[in-house]
């Protein structure tokens, strides 16, 4: 597989991960969805802007949204592969390592995450 093909596969996998994690990121499962204790935070936007530039060569535009620099009317304006830290985030995975009520979802999460990790390693860290 060429580097371009690997990049395209990685973008695809991040899209799949986004679709997978967003299922759990809304009420009733997400208790902080409508509170100030949400997972999104300005420092993650700042990290995303830097990551997109350093790794992908993409300059993300700041939206001017009050609290979150990358928030737009439909949600985050950064593509899932550009906001990797956000795309792979799930509160239960982060806190206890699984969704104890959804073994199948957890298994799919970790299969996707492993594919992403392996591909990122090959693309960005295994250059010779």
Protein backbone atom coordinates (compact mmCIF):
# COMPACT_ATOMS: atom_id res chain seq x y z
CA UNK A 1 0.00 0.00 0.00
CA UNK A 2 1.35 3.45 -0.90
CA UNK A 3 1.63 6.24 1.67
CA UNK A 4 -1.30 8.00 0.00
CA UNK A 5 -3.42 4.85 0.23
CA UNK A 6 -2.46 4.47 3.89
CA UNK A 7 -3.48 8.08 4.57
CA UNK A 8 -6.82 7.51 2.85
CA UNK A 9 -7.39 4.36 4.89
CA UNK A 10 -6.53 6.24 8.09
CA UNK A 11 -9.01 9.00 7.22
CA UNK A 12 -11.63 6.30 6.56
CA UNK A 13 -10.90 4.58 9.89
CA UNK A 14 -11.19 7.84 11.81
CA UNK A 15 -14.55 8.38 10.12
CA UNK A 16 -15.65 4.94 11.28
CA UNK A 17 -14.41 5.67 14.80
CA UNK A 18 -16.28 8.99 14.83
CA UNK A 19 -19.49 7.23 13.79
CA UNK A 20 -18.87 4.61 16.47
CA UNK A 21 -18.13 6.94 19.39
CA UNK A 22 -20.80 9.54 18.60
CA UNK A 23 -23.43 6.86 19.30
CA UNK A 24 -22.40 7.02 22.95
CA UNK A 25 -21.85 10.75 23.14
CA UNK A 26 -25.47 11.84 23.46
CA UNK A 27 -28.19 11.56 26.08
CA UNK A 28 -29.21 9.41 27.83
CA UNK A 29 -25.77 7.76 28.11
CA UNK A 30 -23.80 11.00 28.25
CA UNK A 31 -24.71 12.72 31.49
CA UNK A 32 -22.63 15.83 30.77
CA UNK A 33 -24.00 16.55 27.27
CA UNK A 34 -25.98 19.63 28.35
CA UNK A 35 -23.76 20.77 31.21
CA UNK A 36 -20.57 22.75 31.55
CA UNK A 37 -18.80 19.47 32.38
CA UNK A 38 -18.73 18.44 28.72
CA UNK A 39 -15.71 16.70 27.23
CA UNK A 40 -15.07 19.44 24.67
CA UNK A 41 -12.74 22.08 26.00
CA UNK A 42 -10.73 24.95 24.46
CA UNK A 43 -7.38 23.26 25.14
CA UNK A 44 -8.45 20.29 22.99
CA UNK A 45 -9.26 22.69 20.17
CA UNK A 46 -5.80 24.23 20.57
CA UNK A 47 -4.17 20.78 20.49
CA UNK A 48 -6.22 19.88 17.44
CA UNK A 49 -5.12 23.01 15.57
CA UNK A 50 -1.47 22.16 16.29
CA UNK A 51 -1.88 18.45 15.45
CA UNK A 52 -3.63 19.22 12.15
CA UNK A 53 -0.79 21.55 11.18
CA UNK A 54 2.11 19.37 12.37
CA UNK A 55 0.90 15.97 11.20
CA UNK A 56 -1.42 16.71 8.27
CA UNK A 57 -0.20 20.12 7.08
CA UNK A 58 -3.72 21.55 7.46
CA UNK A 59 -4.45 25.02 8.82
CA UNK A 60 -7.75 24.87 10.68
CA UNK A 61 -9.88 27.99 10.85
CA UNK A 62 -10.94 29.31 14.23
CA UNK A 63 -14.70 29.84 14.18
CA UNK A 64 -15.11 32.54 16.80
CA UNK A 65 -17.53 30.45 18.82
CA UNK A 66 -17.65 31.73 22.40
CA UNK A 67 -16.10 28.79 24.29
CA UNK A 68 -14.78 26.36 21.71
CA UNK A 69 -12.53 27.68 18.93
CA UNK A 70 -13.47 24.93 16.44
CA UNK A 71 -17.21 24.74 17.13
CA UNK A 72 -19.63 25.50 14.33
CA UNK A 73 -23.42 25.35 14.01
CA UNK A 74 -23.30 21.60 13.28
CA UNK A 75 -20.62 20.72 15.85
CA UNK A 76 -16.85 20.57 15.52
CA UNK A 77 -15.56 21.89 12.22
CA UNK A 78 -12.43 19.71 12.20
CA UNK A 79 -12.61 16.41 10.33
CA UNK A 80 -12.39 13.30 12.56
CA UNK A 81 -8.80 12.46 11.50
CA UNK A 82 -7.66 16.00 12.32
CA UNK A 83 -9.07 15.85 15.85
CA UNK A 84 -7.82 12.40 16.72
CA UNK A 85 -7.82 12.95 20.48
CA UNK A 86 -11.51 13.86 20.33
CA UNK A 87 -12.53 11.20 17.82
CA UNK A 88 -11.23 8.33 19.94
CA UNK A 89 -12.56 9.79 23.21
CA UNK A 90 -15.28 7.98 25.08
CA UNK A 91 -15.90 8.77 28.74
CA UNK A 92 -16.32 5.15 29.86
CA UNK A 93 -13.28 3.97 27.90
CA UNK A 94 -11.32 6.84 29.43
CA UNK A 95 -12.51 6.19 32.99
CA UNK A 96 -12.94 2.42 33.35
CA UNK A 97 -11.66 1.02 30.06
CA UNK A 98 -14.93 -0.33 28.63
CA UNK A 99 -18.65 0.08 28.40
CA UNK A 100 -19.74 -2.60 30.89
CA UNK A 101 -23.23 -2.65 29.37
CA UNK A 102 -22.09 -3.05 25.76
CA UNK A 103 -19.37 -5.61 25.20
CA UNK A 104 -19.88 -5.66 21.44
CA UNK A 105 -19.49 -1.88 21.18
CA UNK A 106 -16.34 -2.02 23.33
CA UNK A 107 -14.84 -4.76 21.16
CA UNK A 108 -15.49 -2.79 17.99
CA UNK A 109 -13.99 0.32 19.60
CA UNK A 110 -10.73 -1.44 20.43
CA UNK A 111 -10.48 -3.17 17.03
CA UNK A 112 -10.83 0.19 15.28
CA UNK A 113 -8.43 1.84 17.71
CA UNK A 114 -5.80 -0.85 17.08
CA UNK A 115 -6.11 -0.45 13.31
CA UNK A 116 -5.72 3.31 13.70
CA UNK A 117 -2.74 2.95 16.04
CA UNK A 118 -0.97 0.50 13.73
CA UNK A 119 -1.54 2.63 10.64
CA UNK A 120 -0.46 5.85 12.38
CA UNK A 121 2.69 4.14 13.58
CA UNK A 122 3.52 3.02 10.07
CA UNK A 123 2.70 6.40 8.52
CA UNK A 124 4.12 8.85 11.02
CA UNK A 125 6.62 7.09 13.24
CA UNK A 126 8.12 4.23 11.28
CA UNK A 127 9.76 6.32 8.57
CA UNK A 128 13.15 5.11 7.46
